[in-house]
Amino acid sequence: MHERSIRLSVNDNPVEAVVEPRLTLADFLRERCGLTGTHLGCEHGVCGACTVLLDGAAVRSCLMFAVQADGMEVSTVEGVAGQDGQLSPVQAALRDCHGLQCGFCTPGFVMSISALLRDNPNPTDEQIREGLSGNFCRCTGYQGIIDAVRLAAASMSDSAPSAR
């Protein structure tokens, strides 16, 4: 195996590493960066538990190789909360709406919801369901998650600076 040197940014921190070409981004984040919030469920890209943002786009990190992220910005659930530990609007809404139970799927949902609301700050329930269709939860029944997206959207629009 010919190892490759990569440079990327993970949660705004520069990271340099030498990796085997077959190392997945999920395994790189968990094993090399110590960011175990990126969960591995199906390892086939179906469940969404490993969702991270790659240059702002929600991607399944189990389906990507770390070398594919060379030169890019990776955002994981560990980078979502404020520097002081304050929960993001998405995290707070999931807590407040009981949109999580066992928590295994939660990091993937947080990342997918964050990308969804960035691209569509006021989604309809149908758009929420479509936007989260790649994330599976076996515990909640989804209603709390949908309610959380609505609450996060409202919270984020309330805190947005008004246009002048």
Protein backbone atom coordinates (compact mmCIF):
# COMPACT_ATOMS: atom_id res chain seq x y z
CA MET A 1 0.00 0.00 0.00
CA HIS A 2 1.35 3.41 -0.91
CA GLU A 3 0.55 5.79 1.90
CA ARG A 4 -0.39 9.35 1.02
CA SER A 5 0.09 12.62 2.82
CA ILE A 6 -3.08 14.68 3.29
CA ARG A 7 -3.84 18.13 4.64
CA LEU A 8 -7.30 19.20 5.60
CA SER A 9 -9.15 21.29 8.12
CA VAL A 10 -11.28 19.54 10.72
CA ASN A 11 -13.58 21.81 12.70
CA ASP A 12 -11.39 24.78 11.72
CA ASN A 13 -8.21 23.04 12.90
CA PRO A 14 -5.49 22.18 10.37
CA VAL A 15 -4.69 18.47 10.23
CA GLU A 16 -1.83 16.77 8.41
CA ALA A 17 -1.50 13.01 8.25
CA VAL A 18 -0.09 10.15 6.25
CA VAL A 19 -2.83 7.63 5.47
CA GLU A 20 -3.43 4.48 3.51
CA PRO A 21 -5.56 5.23 0.45
CA ARG A 22 -8.28 2.82 1.63
CA LEU A 23 -8.80 4.53 5.03
CA THR A 24 -12.33 5.92 5.14
CA LEU A 25 -12.98 9.47 6.24
CA ALA A 26 -15.10 8.12 9.10
CA ASP A 27 -12.26 5.94 10.38
CA PHE A 28 -9.79 8.81 9.93
CA LEU A 29 -11.98 11.14 12.00
CA ARG A 30 -12.57 8.56 14.72
CA GLU A 31 -9.15 6.90 14.93
CA ARG A 32 -6.69 9.60 13.89
CA CYS A 33 -8.51 12.73 15.05
CA GLY A 34 -10.22 11.23 18.12
CA LEU A 35 -13.60 12.59 16.99
CA THR A 36 -15.82 9.69 17.94
CA GLY A 37 -19.05 11.64 17.53
CA THR A 38 -19.01 10.51 13.91
CA HIS A 39 -20.79 7.19 14.38
CA LEU A 40 -20.54 4.13 12.19
CA GLY A 41 -23.81 2.27 11.74
CA CYS A 42 -24.32 0.43 8.49
CA GLU A 43 -21.00 1.35 6.82
CA HIS A 44 -22.89 1.35 3.50
CA GLY A 45 -24.08 4.97 3.44
CA VAL A 46 -27.67 4.08 4.24
CA CYS A 47 -28.21 5.07 7.89
CA GLY A 48 -26.67 8.56 7.97
CA ALA A 49 -25.03 8.14 11.39
CA CYS A 50 -21.64 9.08 9.91
CA THR A 51 -22.82 12.30 8.26
CA VAL A 52 -20.31 15.16 8.31
CA LEU A 53 -20.07 18.38 6.33
CA LEU A 54 -17.41 18.45 3.64
CA ASP A 55 -16.90 22.01 2.40
CA GLY A 56 -20.43 22.59 3.71
CA ALA A 57 -22.12 19.64 1.95
CA ALA A 58 -23.60 16.82 4.02
CA VAL A 59 -21.77 13.59 3.10
CA ARG A 60 -21.58 10.04 4.40
CA SER A 61 -18.06 9.73 5.75
CA CYS A 62 -18.18 5.92 5.61
CA LEU A 63 -18.41 6.15 1.80
CA MET A 64 -15.44 8.47 1.35
CA PHE A 65 -11.76 7.90 1.66
CA ALA A 66 -9.74 10.31 3.78
CA VAL A 67 -7.54 11.06 0.75
CA GLN A 68 -10.63 12.43 -1.04
CA ALA A 69 -10.93 15.11 1.65
CA ASP A 70 -7.40 16.37 1.03
CA GLY A 71 -7.46 20.17 0.95
CA MET A 72 -11.04 20.39 2.20
CA GLU A 73 -12.88 21.56 5.33
CA VAL A 74 -14.54 18.82 7.38
CA SER A 75 -17.08 19.74 10.05
CA THR A 76 -18.15 17.13 12.59
CA VAL A 77 -20.66 17.20 15.41
CA GLU A 78 -17.85 18.11 17.81
CA GLY A 79 -17.51 21.44 16.02
CA VAL A 80 -21.18 22.42 16.15
CA ALA A 81 -21.49 23.76 19.70
CA GLY A 82 -20.08 27.14 20.63
CA GLN A 83 -16.54 27.56 21.97
CA ASP A 84 -18.04 27.89 25.46
CA GLY A 85 -19.94 24.62 25.06
CA GLN A 86 -23.27 26.32 24.41
CA LEU A 87 -25.45 24.08 22.26
CA SER A 88 -26.20 25.16 18.72
CA PRO A 89 -29.83 25.96 17.91
CA VAL A 90 -30.13 22.53 16.25
CA GLN A 91 -28.73 20.69 19.27
CA ALA A 92 -30.87 22.68 21.71
CA ALA A 93 -34.00 22.06 19.64
CA LEU A 94 -33.35 18.30 19.50
CA ARG A 95 -33.03 18.34 23.30
CA ASP A 96 -36.09 20.52 23.84
CA CYS A 97 -38.33 18.55 21.44
CA HIS A 98 -37.18 15.13 22.64
CA GLY A 99 -35.79 14.47 19.17
CA LEU A 100 -33.32 11.93 20.47
CA GLN A 101 -33.42 8.87 22.62
CA CYS A 102 -30.48 6.48 22.47
CA GLY A 103 -28.40 9.15 20.73
CA PHE A 104 -26.64 6.92 18.22
CA CYS A 105 -28.16 8.64 15.17
CA THR A 106 -28.09 12.12 16.71
CA PRO A 107 -24.70 13.33 15.39
CA GLY A 108 -25.72 12.49 11.82
CA PHE A 109 -29.06 14.23 12.28
CA VAL A 110 -27.37 17.31 13.78
CA MET A 111 -25.11 17.61 10.75
CA SER A 112 -27.88 16.96 8.21
CA ILE A 113 -30.26 19.40 9.91
CA SER A 114 -27.52 22.04 10.09
CA ALA A 115 -26.92 21.75 6.34
CA LEU A 116 -30.66 21.68 5.61
CA LEU A 117 -31.36 24.86 7.58
CA ARG A 118 -28.35 26.64 6.15
CA ASP A 119 -29.67 25.97 2.63
CA ASN A 120 -33.38 26.34 3.45
CA PRO A 121 -33.96 28.44 6.60
CA ASN A 122 -37.73 27.89 6.59
CA PRO A 123 -38.48 24.40 5.26
CA THR A 124 -41.93 22.87 5.02
CA ASP A 125 -42.58 19.55 6.78
CA GLU A 126 -42.31 17.83 3.39
CA GLN A 127 -38.93 19.50 2.75
CA ILE A 128 -37.77 18.48 6.24
CA ARG A 129 -38.75 14.87 5.62
CA GLU A 130 -37.03 14.91 2.23
CA GLY A 131 -33.92 16.59 3.63
CA LEU A 132 -33.60 14.02 6.39
CA SER A 133 -34.62 10.98 4.35
CA GLY A 134 -31.05 9.66 4.41
CA ASN A 135 -30.91 9.51 8.21
CA PHE A 136 -32.47 6.63 10.12
CA CYS A 137 -33.61 6.62 13.73
CA ARG A 138 -34.90 3.46 15.35
CA CYS A 139 -36.09 5.07 18.58
CA THR A 140 -37.95 8.34 18.18
CA GLY A 141 -40.62 7.84 15.54
CA TYR A 142 -39.26 11.03 13.88
CA GLN A 143 -41.97 13.46 15.06
CA GLY A 144 -39.70 14.93 17.73
CA ILE A 145 -36.96 15.35 15.13
CA ILE A 146 -39.31 17.16 12.73
CA ASP A 147 -40.53 19.36 15.58
CA ALA A 148 -36.89 20.09 16.45
CA VAL A 149 -36.13 21.20 12.90
CA ARG A 150 -39.10 23.58 13.02
CA LEU A 151 -38.00 24.94 16.41
CA ALA A 152 -34.38 25.34 15.29
CA ALA A 153 -35.52 27.15 12.13
CA ALA A 154 -37.66 29.53 14.19
CA SER A 155 -34.87 30.07 16.71
CA MET A 156 -32.32 30.76 14.00
CA SER A 157 -34.62 33.21 12.18
CA ASP A 158 -35.33 35.03 15.48
CA SER A 159 -31.62 35.45 16.14
CA ALA A 160 -30.71 36.45 12.55
CA PRO A 161 -29.79 40.10 12.14
CA SER A 162 -32.56 42.00 10.45
CA ALA A 163 -31.91 43.35 6.96
CA ARG A 164 -31.58 47.10 6.80
